[in-house]
Amino acid sequence: MGISYGKQIHKVVAADIDTLTQQNCTVLTNGNSGKENTYVLKLQFNLGGCGGSESGGNITINNLVEGWRWEYITFKNICYGNGSCYNFNEAGYGGQGLNGLVSYSTSSTVIDSVQWCYQSFEVSGISEVMSRCDNASSNVFRQGPDPKVFWTTRRRSSSTSSAGPSQGRSCSSSGAGATWELSDIIVWR
């Protein structure tokens, strides 16, 4: 645990993970292998069809870390592959949904944000949207080279149940070139 600017923070390790759920994925990494021996999940999306043959995965993080309830989460996403449909902790594809987090908002009155982007949401014309299904040029999974990297900060919907990051895809590439790596997870309050 640490304290930063008066906030309690915790870097997530494998012992903090409550569940790992995946649909039509291969788990490539699941454990402490990140910076400072922190938790990393890497999934390969095996099915890319539209409607029913989708891929996705999520983790939930224990309700309590070091004896306190976390309220916010920040994590790094590294994505490879392309497609039309995706969701990050939103209703959508690959059996994934909010997974205990509040729906993403771009309102300046909430803490939700996307930051430290590379070849993703910082590209001119790309919309900062956490769920979509179209072939528009503003769709982050329709554009640019890989990897697509970004950090996101989200709010937890309930302090009494597990929650965590999720990602699903449909109408997308699949196999070795279609992956999601989740790392550098920090929960805080």
N, C-alpha and C. Protein backbone atom coordinates (compact mmCIF):
# COMPACT_ATOMS: atom_id res chain seq x y z
N MET A 1 0.84 -1.17 0.00
CA MET A 1 0.00 0.00 0.00
C MET A 1 0.88 1.23 0.00
N GLY A 2 0.32 2.29 -0.48
CA GLY A 2 1.01 3.56 -0.46
C GLY A 2 0.04 4.69 -0.26
N ILE A 3 0.58 5.83 0.02
CA ILE A 3 -0.24 7.04 0.12
C ILE A 3 0.37 8.04 -0.83
N SER A 4 -0.43 8.57 -1.72
CA SER A 4 0.03 9.54 -2.70
C SER A 4 -0.94 10.71 -2.71
N TYR A 5 -0.45 11.86 -2.37
CA TYR A 5 -1.28 13.07 -2.32
C TYR A 5 -2.53 12.84 -1.46
N GLY A 6 -2.37 12.12 -0.35
CA GLY A 6 -3.48 11.90 0.57
C GLY A 6 -4.40 10.76 0.18
N LYS A 7 -4.12 10.05 -0.92
CA LYS A 7 -4.96 8.95 -1.39
C LYS A 7 -4.30 7.62 -1.01
N GLN A 8 -5.14 6.64 -0.61
CA GLN A 8 -4.63 5.30 -0.41
C GLN A 8 -4.60 4.62 -1.77
N ILE A 9 -3.47 4.02 -2.13
CA ILE A 9 -3.34 3.33 -3.40
C ILE A 9 -2.79 1.93 -3.16
N HIS A 10 -3.10 1.03 -4.10
CA HIS A 10 -2.63 -0.35 -4.00
C HIS A 10 -2.35 -0.87 -5.40
N LYS A 11 -1.16 -1.38 -5.63
CA LYS A 11 -0.80 -2.01 -6.90
C LYS A 11 -1.28 -3.46 -6.84
N VAL A 12 -2.10 -3.83 -7.79
CA VAL A 12 -2.76 -5.14 -7.78
C VAL A 12 -1.77 -6.25 -8.13
N VAL A 13 -1.80 -7.31 -7.31
CA VAL A 13 -1.01 -8.51 -7.53
C VAL A 13 -1.97 -9.70 -7.67
N ALA A 14 -1.46 -10.85 -8.06
CA ALA A 14 -2.30 -12.02 -8.32
C ALA A 14 -3.17 -12.40 -7.12
N ALA A 15 -2.68 -12.23 -5.92
CA ALA A 15 -3.46 -12.58 -4.72
C ALA A 15 -4.70 -11.71 -4.57
N ASP A 16 -4.76 -10.57 -5.25
CA ASP A 16 -5.91 -9.67 -5.19
C ASP A 16 -7.02 -10.06 -6.17
N ILE A 17 -6.73 -10.96 -7.10
CA ILE A 17 -7.70 -11.32 -8.14
C ILE A 17 -8.70 -12.32 -7.58
N ASP A 18 -9.98 -11.98 -7.71
CA ASP A 18 -11.06 -12.84 -7.25
C ASP A 18 -11.43 -13.85 -8.34
N THR A 19 -11.68 -13.37 -9.57
CA THR A 19 -12.03 -14.26 -10.67
C THR A 19 -11.39 -13.80 -11.97
N LEU A 20 -11.19 -14.76 -12.85
CA LEU A 20 -10.81 -14.53 -14.24
C LEU A 20 -11.85 -15.26 -15.07
N THR A 21 -12.52 -14.55 -15.96
CA THR A 21 -13.54 -15.14 -16.83
C THR A 21 -13.16 -14.83 -18.26
N GLN A 22 -13.31 -15.83 -19.14
CA GLN A 22 -13.04 -15.59 -20.55
C GLN A 22 -14.04 -16.38 -21.40
N GLN A 23 -14.30 -15.86 -22.57
CA GLN A 23 -15.17 -16.51 -23.54
C GLN A 23 -14.44 -16.55 -24.88
N ASN A 24 -14.18 -17.74 -25.36
CA ASN A 24 -13.51 -17.93 -26.66
C ASN A 24 -12.14 -17.26 -26.73
N CYS A 25 -11.40 -17.34 -25.63
CA CYS A 25 -10.05 -16.77 -25.56
C CYS A 25 -9.06 -17.83 -25.09
N THR A 26 -7.81 -17.58 -25.35
CA THR A 26 -6.71 -18.34 -24.76
C THR A 26 -6.01 -17.42 -23.79
N VAL A 27 -5.79 -17.90 -22.57
CA VAL A 27 -5.08 -17.11 -21.56
C VAL A 27 -3.58 -17.29 -21.81
N LEU A 28 -2.91 -16.22 -22.18
CA LEU A 28 -1.46 -16.27 -22.46
C LEU A 28 -0.64 -15.92 -21.23
N THR A 29 -1.13 -14.99 -20.42
CA THR A 29 -0.46 -14.59 -19.18
C THR A 29 -1.52 -14.38 -18.12
N ASN A 30 -1.27 -14.88 -16.93
CA ASN A 30 -2.19 -14.71 -15.81
C ASN A 30 -1.39 -14.84 -14.52
N GLY A 31 -0.81 -13.74 -14.06
CA GLY A 31 -0.03 -13.80 -12.83
C GLY A 31 0.85 -12.59 -12.66
N ASN A 32 1.72 -12.67 -11.67
CA ASN A 32 2.62 -11.57 -11.36
C ASN A 32 3.83 -11.62 -12.28
N SER A 33 3.80 -10.77 -13.29
CA SER A 33 4.94 -10.70 -14.20
C SER A 33 5.20 -9.28 -14.68
N GLY A 34 4.51 -8.34 -14.11
CA GLY A 34 4.66 -6.94 -14.51
C GLY A 34 5.73 -6.22 -13.72
N LYS A 35 5.76 -4.90 -13.91
CA LYS A 35 6.68 -4.07 -13.15
C LYS A 35 6.44 -4.30 -11.67
N GLU A 36 7.52 -4.38 -10.92
CA GLU A 36 7.45 -4.59 -9.47
C GLU A 36 6.65 -5.84 -9.11
N ASN A 37 6.69 -6.85 -10.02
CA ASN A 37 6.04 -8.13 -9.79
C ASN A 37 4.53 -7.98 -9.57
N THR A 38 3.89 -7.12 -10.38
CA THR A 38 2.45 -6.89 -10.28
C THR A 38 1.70 -7.75 -11.29
N TYR A 39 0.39 -7.80 -11.15
CA TYR A 39 -0.47 -8.68 -11.94
C TYR A 39 -0.56 -8.25 -13.40
N VAL A 40 -0.50 -9.23 -14.30
CA VAL A 40 -0.69 -9.03 -15.74
C VAL A 40 -1.61 -10.12 -16.26
N LEU A 41 -2.58 -9.72 -17.09
CA LEU A 41 -3.43 -10.66 -17.82
C LEU A 41 -3.25 -10.39 -19.30
N LYS A 42 -3.04 -11.44 -20.08
CA LYS A 42 -2.98 -11.30 -21.52
C LYS A 42 -3.86 -12.39 -22.13
N LEU A 43 -4.84 -11.94 -22.93
CA LEU A 43 -5.76 -12.85 -23.60
C LEU A 43 -5.57 -12.77 -25.10
N GLN A 44 -5.72 -13.92 -25.76
CA GLN A 44 -5.78 -13.98 -27.22
C GLN A 44 -7.23 -14.24 -27.60
N PHE A 45 -7.78 -13.43 -28.49
CA PHE A 45 -9.16 -13.58 -28.92
C PHE A 45 -9.22 -14.60 -30.06
N ASN A 46 -9.93 -15.70 -29.83
CA ASN A 46 -9.92 -16.81 -30.78
C ASN A 46 -11.04 -16.78 -31.81
N LEU A 47 -12.14 -16.12 -31.52
CA LEU A 47 -13.25 -16.03 -32.46
C LEU A 47 -13.53 -14.57 -32.76
N GLY A 48 -13.68 -14.25 -34.02
CA GLY A 48 -13.89 -12.86 -34.40
C GLY A 48 -15.19 -12.62 -35.16
N GLY A 49 -16.05 -13.64 -35.20
CA GLY A 49 -17.29 -13.53 -35.95
C GLY A 49 -18.24 -12.50 -35.38
N CYS A 50 -19.26 -12.21 -36.14
CA CYS A 50 -20.27 -11.23 -35.73
C CYS A 50 -21.50 -11.94 -35.18
N GLY A 51 -21.93 -11.54 -33.99
CA GLY A 51 -23.17 -12.06 -33.43
C GLY A 51 -23.09 -13.49 -32.94
N GLY A 52 -22.67 -13.67 -31.71
CA GLY A 52 -22.68 -14.99 -31.08
C GLY A 52 -21.32 -15.65 -30.99
N SER A 53 -20.46 -15.45 -31.97
CA SER A 53 -19.14 -16.07 -31.92
C SER A 53 -18.09 -15.02 -31.58
N GLU A 54 -18.28 -14.40 -30.44
CA GLU A 54 -17.45 -13.28 -30.00
C GLU A 54 -16.47 -13.74 -28.93
N SER A 55 -15.46 -12.94 -28.70
CA SER A 55 -14.45 -13.25 -27.68
C SER A 55 -14.37 -12.11 -26.67
N GLY A 56 -14.02 -12.47 -25.44
CA GLY A 56 -13.84 -11.45 -24.42
C GLY A 56 -13.39 -12.04 -23.10
N GLY A 57 -13.01 -11.16 -22.18
CA GLY A 57 -12.57 -11.62 -20.88
C GLY A 57 -12.60 -10.51 -19.85
N ASN A 58 -12.53 -10.92 -18.59
CA ASN A 58 -12.48 -9.95 -17.51
C ASN A 58 -11.86 -10.56 -16.27
N ILE A 59 -11.46 -9.69 -15.36
CA ILE A 59 -11.06 -10.11 -14.02
C ILE A 59 -11.89 -9.31 -13.03
N THR A 60 -12.04 -9.86 -11.85
CA THR A 60 -12.58 -9.08 -10.74
C THR A 60 -11.52 -9.05 -9.65
N ILE A 61 -11.44 -7.91 -9.01
CA ILE A 61 -10.47 -7.67 -7.94
C ILE A 61 -11.22 -7.71 -6.63
N ASN A 62 -10.63 -8.33 -5.63
CA ASN A 62 -11.26 -8.47 -4.33
C ASN A 62 -11.82 -7.14 -3.83
N ASN A 63 -12.91 -7.25 -3.12
CA ASN A 63 -13.60 -6.10 -2.54
C ASN A 63 -12.68 -5.29 -1.63
N LEU A 64 -11.92 -5.99 -0.81
CA LEU A 64 -11.01 -5.34 0.13
C LEU A 64 -9.57 -5.60 -0.29
N VAL A 65 -8.76 -4.58 -0.30
CA VAL A 65 -7.32 -4.73 -0.47
C VAL A 65 -6.67 -4.10 0.76
N GLU A 66 -5.82 -4.85 1.39
CA GLU A 66 -5.13 -4.38 2.59
C GLU A 66 -6.10 -3.84 3.64
N GLY A 67 -7.31 -4.41 3.68
CA GLY A 67 -8.29 -4.06 4.72
C GLY A 67 -9.17 -2.86 4.41
N TRP A 68 -9.02 -2.24 3.25
CA TRP A 68 -9.87 -1.11 2.90
C TRP A 68 -10.55 -1.35 1.55
N ARG A 69 -11.69 -0.69 1.36
CA ARG A 69 -12.48 -0.82 0.14
C ARG A 69 -12.03 0.22 -0.88
N TRP A 70 -11.73 -0.26 -2.07
CA TRP A 70 -11.29 0.65 -3.12
C TRP A 70 -12.49 1.24 -3.85
N GLU A 71 -12.29 2.45 -4.40
CA GLU A 71 -13.37 3.16 -5.10
C GLU A 71 -13.07 3.40 -6.58
N TYR A 72 -11.80 3.50 -6.91
CA TYR A 72 -11.39 3.84 -8.28
C TYR A 72 -10.33 2.86 -8.75
N ILE A 73 -10.22 2.75 -10.08
CA ILE A 73 -9.22 1.86 -10.66
C ILE A 73 -8.58 2.54 -11.86
N THR A 74 -7.28 2.36 -12.00
CA THR A 74 -6.53 2.84 -13.16
C THR A 74 -5.74 1.65 -13.69
N PHE A 75 -5.76 1.45 -15.01
CA PHE A 75 -5.05 0.31 -15.58
C PHE A 75 -4.63 0.59 -17.01
N LYS A 76 -3.63 -0.17 -17.45
CA LYS A 76 -3.07 -0.03 -18.80
C LYS A 76 -3.63 -1.11 -19.71
N ASN A 77 -4.03 -0.72 -20.92
CA ASN A 77 -4.50 -1.64 -21.95
C ASN A 77 -3.52 -1.61 -23.11
N ILE A 78 -3.12 -2.79 -23.58
CA ILE A 78 -2.33 -2.91 -24.80
C ILE A 78 -3.11 -3.85 -25.72
N CYS A 79 -3.58 -3.33 -26.84
CA CYS A 79 -4.45 -4.09 -27.74
C CYS A 79 -3.81 -4.28 -29.11
N TYR A 80 -3.93 -5.50 -29.61
CA TYR A 80 -3.52 -5.82 -30.97
C TYR A 80 -4.74 -6.35 -31.71
N GLY A 81 -4.82 -6.04 -32.99
CA GLY A 81 -5.92 -6.53 -33.81
C GLY A 81 -6.81 -5.40 -34.28
N ASN A 82 -7.77 -5.75 -35.15
CA ASN A 82 -8.70 -4.76 -35.65
C ASN A 82 -10.10 -5.34 -35.68
N GLY A 83 -11.07 -4.49 -35.93
CA GLY A 83 -12.44 -4.94 -35.98
C GLY A 83 -13.42 -3.79 -35.97
N SER A 84 -14.67 -4.14 -35.97
CA SER A 84 -15.74 -3.15 -35.96
C SER A 84 -16.32 -2.92 -34.57
N CYS A 85 -16.39 -3.99 -33.77
CA CYS A 85 -17.12 -3.92 -32.49
C CYS A 85 -16.19 -4.21 -31.32
N TYR A 86 -16.27 -3.38 -30.30
CA TYR A 86 -15.48 -3.58 -29.09
C TYR A 86 -16.18 -2.96 -27.90
N ASN A 87 -15.80 -3.39 -26.73
CA ASN A 87 -16.22 -2.73 -25.50
C ASN A 87 -15.15 -2.90 -24.43
N PHE A 88 -14.99 -1.85 -23.64
CA PHE A 88 -14.14 -1.85 -22.45
C PHE A 88 -15.05 -1.49 -21.28
N ASN A 89 -15.39 -2.46 -20.46
CA ASN A 89 -16.27 -2.25 -19.31
C ASN A 89 -17.55 -1.52 -19.69
N GLU A 90 -18.16 -1.94 -20.74
CA GLU A 90 -19.47 -1.44 -21.15
C GLU A 90 -20.27 -2.63 -21.66
N ALA A 91 -21.58 -2.49 -21.75
CA ALA A 91 -22.40 -3.55 -22.33
C ALA A 91 -21.91 -3.78 -23.75
N GLY A 92 -21.84 -5.04 -24.15
CA GLY A 92 -21.34 -5.25 -25.50
C GLY A 92 -21.04 -6.66 -25.85
N TYR A 93 -19.79 -6.95 -26.12
CA TYR A 93 -19.40 -8.12 -26.87
C TYR A 93 -18.56 -9.10 -26.05
N GLY A 94 -18.54 -10.33 -26.53
CA GLY A 94 -17.71 -11.34 -25.90
C GLY A 94 -18.14 -11.70 -24.50
N GLY A 95 -19.42 -11.50 -24.18
CA GLY A 95 -19.94 -11.84 -22.86
C GLY A 95 -19.50 -10.89 -21.77
N GLN A 96 -18.97 -9.73 -22.15
CA GLN A 96 -18.44 -8.79 -21.16
C GLN A 96 -19.39 -7.62 -20.98
N GLY A 97 -19.32 -7.00 -19.83
CA GLY A 97 -20.16 -5.85 -19.54
C GLY A 97 -19.43 -4.89 -18.62
N LEU A 98 -20.20 -4.20 -17.81
CA LEU A 98 -19.62 -3.21 -16.89
C LEU A 98 -18.69 -3.85 -15.87
N ASN A 99 -18.96 -5.09 -15.49
CA ASN A 99 -18.10 -5.84 -14.57
C ASN A 99 -17.83 -5.09 -13.27
N GLY A 100 -18.89 -4.47 -12.73
CA GLY A 100 -18.78 -3.81 -11.44
C GLY A 100 -18.29 -2.38 -11.48
N LEU A 101 -18.07 -1.83 -12.69
CA LEU A 101 -17.66 -0.44 -12.81
C LEU A 101 -18.83 0.39 -13.34
N VAL A 102 -18.78 1.68 -13.13
CA VAL A 102 -19.81 2.59 -13.62
C VAL A 102 -19.55 2.86 -15.10
N SER A 103 -20.61 3.03 -15.89
CA SER A 103 -20.48 3.32 -17.30
C SER A 103 -19.60 4.56 -17.52
N TYR A 104 -18.73 4.49 -18.51
CA TYR A 104 -17.77 5.54 -18.80
C TYR A 104 -18.46 6.86 -19.15
N SER A 105 -17.94 7.94 -18.62
CA SER A 105 -18.49 9.26 -18.90
C SER A 105 -17.36 10.21 -19.26
N THR A 106 -17.59 11.06 -20.26
CA THR A 106 -16.61 12.08 -20.61
C THR A 106 -16.91 13.41 -19.93
N SER A 107 -17.88 13.40 -19.02
CA SER A 107 -18.22 14.62 -18.28
C SER A 107 -17.04 15.08 -17.45
N SER A 108 -16.85 16.37 -17.39
CA SER A 108 -15.74 16.91 -16.61
C SER A 108 -16.01 16.82 -15.10
N THR A 109 -17.21 16.41 -14.71
CA THR A 109 -17.55 16.33 -13.28
C THR A 109 -17.21 14.98 -12.67
N VAL A 110 -16.77 14.01 -13.49
CA VAL A 110 -16.38 12.70 -12.96
C VAL A 110 -14.93 12.43 -13.29
N ILE A 111 -14.37 11.43 -12.65
CA ILE A 111 -12.94 11.14 -12.77
C ILE A 111 -12.60 10.27 -13.97
N ASP A 112 -13.58 9.67 -14.63
CA ASP A 112 -13.31 8.78 -15.77
C ASP A 112 -12.41 9.48 -16.78
N SER A 113 -11.41 8.76 -17.26
CA SER A 113 -10.51 9.37 -18.24
C SER A 113 -9.72 8.31 -19.00
N VAL A 114 -9.24 8.73 -20.14
CA VAL A 114 -8.29 7.96 -20.93
C VAL A 114 -7.04 8.82 -21.01
N GLN A 115 -5.90 8.23 -20.73
CA GLN A 115 -4.67 9.01 -20.73
C GLN A 115 -3.49 8.16 -21.20
N TRP A 116 -2.37 8.81 -21.43
CA TRP A 116 -1.12 8.17 -21.85
C TRP A 116 -1.35 7.22 -23.03
N CYS A 117 -1.95 7.75 -24.06
CA CYS A 117 -2.31 6.96 -25.24
C CYS A 117 -1.15 6.88 -26.24
N TYR A 118 -1.14 5.78 -26.96
CA TYR A 118 -0.20 5.59 -28.06
C TYR A 118 -0.93 4.85 -29.17
N GLN A 119 -1.05 5.46 -30.33
CA GLN A 119 -1.73 4.86 -31.48
C GLN A 119 -3.16 4.45 -31.16
N SER A 120 -3.83 5.24 -30.32
CA SER A 120 -5.21 4.91 -29.95
C SER A 120 -6.05 6.18 -29.87
N PHE A 121 -6.53 6.52 -28.70
CA PHE A 121 -7.49 7.62 -28.56
C PHE A 121 -6.88 9.02 -28.74
N GLU A 122 -5.57 9.14 -28.79
CA GLU A 122 -4.96 10.45 -29.00
C GLU A 122 -4.88 10.81 -30.48
N VAL A 123 -5.12 9.86 -31.36
CA VAL A 123 -5.03 10.09 -32.80
C VAL A 123 -6.17 11.00 -33.23
N SER A 124 -5.86 12.01 -34.00
CA SER A 124 -6.86 12.96 -34.48
C SER A 124 -8.00 12.24 -35.19
N GLY A 125 -9.22 12.55 -34.79
CA GLY A 125 -10.40 11.95 -35.40
C GLY A 125 -10.91 10.70 -34.73
N ILE A 126 -10.16 10.14 -33.79
CA ILE A 126 -10.62 8.94 -33.07
C ILE A 126 -11.47 9.37 -31.88
N SER A 127 -12.64 8.77 -31.74
CA SER A 127 -13.56 9.11 -30.66
C SER A 127 -13.21 8.37 -29.38
N GLU A 128 -13.28 9.08 -28.26
CA GLU A 128 -13.05 8.48 -26.94
C GLU A 128 -14.35 7.81 -26.48
N VAL A 129 -14.55 6.60 -26.99
CA VAL A 129 -15.77 5.83 -26.73
C VAL A 129 -15.34 4.44 -26.27
N MET A 130 -15.95 3.94 -25.20
CA MET A 130 -15.55 2.65 -24.65
C MET A 130 -16.36 1.48 -25.19
N SER A 131 -17.34 1.74 -26.04
CA SER A 131 -18.10 0.67 -26.68
C SER A 131 -18.67 1.20 -27.99
N ARG A 132 -18.45 0.45 -29.05
CA ARG A 132 -19.05 0.84 -30.33
C ARG A 132 -19.01 -0.32 -31.30
N CYS A 133 -19.81 -0.21 -32.35
CA CYS A 133 -19.86 -1.23 -33.39
C CYS A 133 -20.19 -0.56 -34.71
N ASP A 134 -19.17 -0.22 -35.46
CA ASP A 134 -19.34 0.41 -36.77
C ASP A 134 -18.01 0.38 -37.52
N ASN A 135 -18.05 0.83 -38.73
CA ASN A 135 -16.84 0.88 -39.55
C ASN A 135 -16.38 2.32 -39.79
N ALA A 136 -16.80 3.22 -38.94
CA ALA A 136 -16.46 4.63 -39.11
C ALA A 136 -14.96 4.86 -38.91
N SER A 137 -14.45 5.89 -39.52
CA SER A 137 -13.03 6.21 -39.40
C SER A 137 -12.66 6.65 -37.99
N SER A 138 -13.65 6.99 -37.17
CA SER A 138 -13.38 7.42 -35.79
C SER A 138 -13.32 6.24 -34.81
N ASN A 139 -13.49 5.01 -35.30
CA ASN A 139 -13.44 3.80 -34.47
C ASN A 139 -11.98 3.39 -34.28
N VAL A 140 -11.53 3.37 -33.03
CA VAL A 140 -10.12 3.10 -32.72
C VAL A 140 -9.65 1.73 -33.25
N PHE A 141 -10.54 0.74 -33.34
CA PHE A 141 -10.14 -0.58 -33.82
C PHE A 141 -10.19 -0.70 -35.35
N ARG A 142 -10.60 0.35 -36.03
CA ARG A 142 -10.61 0.36 -37.49
C ARG A 142 -9.39 1.07 -38.05
N GLN A 143 -8.63 1.70 -37.19
CA GLN A 143 -7.56 2.58 -37.65
C GLN A 143 -6.20 2.17 -37.11
N GLY A 144 -5.19 2.64 -37.79
CA GLY A 144 -3.84 2.65 -37.28
C GLY A 144 -3.16 1.32 -37.06
N PRO A 145 -1.88 1.42 -36.84
CA PRO A 145 -1.07 0.23 -36.57
C PRO A 145 -1.23 -0.25 -35.13
N ASP A 146 -0.68 -1.41 -34.87
CA ASP A 146 -0.65 -1.96 -33.51
C ASP A 146 0.72 -1.67 -32.91
N PRO A 147 0.84 -1.63 -31.59
CA PRO A 147 -0.24 -1.81 -30.63
C PRO A 147 -1.02 -0.51 -30.40
N LYS A 148 -2.24 -0.68 -29.92
CA LYS A 148 -3.07 0.43 -29.46
C LYS A 148 -2.95 0.42 -27.94
N VAL A 149 -2.39 1.48 -27.37
CA VAL A 149 -2.10 1.51 -25.94
C VAL A 149 -2.80 2.70 -25.29
N PHE A 150 -3.40 2.46 -24.15
CA PHE A 150 -3.96 3.56 -23.38
C PHE A 150 -4.20 3.11 -21.94
N TRP A 151 -4.17 4.08 -21.06
CA TRP A 151 -4.53 3.87 -19.66
C TRP A 151 -5.93 4.43 -19.47
N THR A 152 -6.67 3.86 -18.57
CA THR A 152 -7.99 4.38 -18.26
C THR A 152 -8.22 4.40 -16.76
N THR A 153 -8.97 5.37 -16.31
CA THR A 153 -9.40 5.47 -14.91
C THR A 153 -10.91 5.39 -14.89
N ARG A 154 -11.43 4.54 -14.01
CA ARG A 154 -12.87 4.32 -13.93
C ARG A 154 -13.33 4.30 -12.48
N ARG A 155 -14.64 4.46 -12.29
CA ARG A 155 -15.27 4.43 -10.97
C ARG A 155 -15.91 3.06 -10.71
N ARG A 156 -15.86 2.63 -9.49
CA ARG A 156 -16.48 1.37 -9.09
C ARG A 156 -17.94 1.63 -8.73
N SER A 157 -18.85 0.71 -9.10
CA SER A 157 -20.27 0.94 -8.88
C SER A 157 -20.73 0.60 -7.47
N SER A 158 -20.03 -0.31 -6.79
CA SER A 158 -20.42 -0.71 -5.44
C SER A 158 -19.18 -1.03 -4.63
N SER A 159 -19.14 -0.57 -3.40
CA SER A 159 -17.95 -0.84 -2.58
C SER A 159 -18.06 -2.18 -1.86
N THR A 160 -19.13 -2.94 -2.12
CA THR A 160 -19.31 -4.19 -1.40
C THR A 160 -19.20 -5.44 -2.28
N SER A 161 -18.81 -5.28 -3.53
CA SER A 161 -18.65 -6.45 -4.39
C SER A 161 -17.40 -6.30 -5.25
N SER A 162 -16.93 -7.43 -5.75
CA SER A 162 -15.74 -7.43 -6.61
C SER A 162 -16.03 -6.72 -7.93
N ALA A 163 -15.01 -6.16 -8.54
CA ALA A 163 -15.14 -5.47 -9.82
C ALA A 163 -13.78 -5.46 -10.51
N GLY A 164 -13.78 -5.13 -11.79
CA GLY A 164 -12.50 -5.05 -12.48
C GLY A 164 -12.63 -4.82 -13.97
N PRO A 165 -11.51 -4.76 -14.67
CA PRO A 165 -11.48 -4.49 -16.11
C PRO A 165 -12.08 -5.62 -16.94
N SER A 166 -12.68 -5.25 -18.08
CA SER A 166 -13.17 -6.23 -19.04
C SER A 166 -12.99 -5.69 -20.45
N GLN A 167 -12.91 -6.61 -21.40
CA GLN A 167 -12.82 -6.24 -22.81
C GLN A 167 -13.44 -7.32 -23.65
N GLY A 168 -14.26 -6.93 -24.63
CA GLY A 168 -14.87 -7.87 -25.56
C GLY A 168 -14.77 -7.34 -26.97
N ARG A 169 -14.83 -8.26 -27.95
CA ARG A 169 -14.75 -7.87 -29.36
C ARG A 169 -15.68 -8.74 -30.20
N SER A 170 -16.13 -8.17 -31.31
CA SER A 170 -16.94 -8.89 -32.28
C SER A 170 -16.62 -8.32 -33.66
N CYS A 171 -16.89 -9.09 -34.68
CA CYS A 171 -16.59 -8.66 -36.06
C CYS A 171 -15.15 -8.15 -36.12
N SER A 172 -14.25 -8.99 -35.65
CA SER A 172 -12.86 -8.55 -35.45
C SER A 172 -11.87 -9.63 -35.87
N SER A 173 -10.61 -9.25 -35.89
CA SER A 173 -9.56 -10.22 -36.16
C SER A 173 -9.47 -11.20 -34.99
N SER A 174 -8.84 -12.34 -35.23
CA SER A 174 -8.70 -13.34 -34.18
C SER A 174 -7.36 -14.05 -34.33
N GLY A 175 -7.01 -14.80 -33.30
CA GLY A 175 -5.76 -15.55 -33.33
C GLY A 175 -4.60 -14.77 -32.73
N ALA A 176 -3.38 -15.15 -33.11
CA ALA A 176 -2.18 -14.61 -32.49
C ALA A 176 -2.05 -13.09 -32.60
N GLY A 177 -2.65 -12.49 -33.62
CA GLY A 177 -2.56 -11.05 -33.80
C GLY A 177 -3.68 -10.26 -33.15
N ALA A 178 -4.51 -10.93 -32.34
CA ALA A 178 -5.65 -10.27 -31.70
C ALA A 178 -5.57 -10.52 -30.19
N THR A 179 -4.95 -9.59 -29.47
CA THR A 179 -4.74 -9.78 -28.03
C THR A 179 -5.11 -8.53 -27.24
N TRP A 180 -5.32 -8.75 -25.96
CA TRP A 180 -5.53 -7.67 -24.98
C TRP A 180 -4.64 -7.98 -23.80
N GLU A 181 -3.74 -7.05 -23.48
CA GLU A 181 -2.91 -7.18 -22.28
C GLU A 181 -3.32 -6.11 -21.29
N LEU A 182 -3.57 -6.55 -20.10
CA LEU A 182 -4.00 -5.69 -18.99
C LEU A 182 -2.88 -5.71 -17.95
N SER A 183 -2.39 -4.51 -17.58
CA SER A 183 -1.28 -4.47 -16.62
C SER A 183 -1.31 -3.18 -15.82
N ASP A 184 -0.37 -3.05 -14.91
CA ASP A 184 -0.18 -1.84 -14.12
C ASP A 184 -1.48 -1.37 -13.46
N ILE A 185 -2.19 -2.32 -12.86
CA ILE A 185 -3.49 -2.03 -12.26
C ILE A 185 -3.29 -1.42 -10.88
N ILE A 186 -3.93 -0.28 -10.67
CA ILE A 186 -3.86 0.39 -9.37
C ILE A 186 -5.31 0.64 -8.92
N VAL A 187 -5.63 0.23 -7.68
CA VAL A 187 -6.92 0.58 -7.09
C VAL A 187 -6.64 1.60 -5.99
N TRP A 188 -7.60 2.49 -5.78
CA TRP A 188 -7.36 3.58 -4.84
C TRP A 188 -8.67 4.15 -4.33
N ARG A 189 -8.51 5.00 -3.32
CA ARG A 189 -9.68 5.72 -2.78
C ARG A 189 -9.26 7.07 -2.26
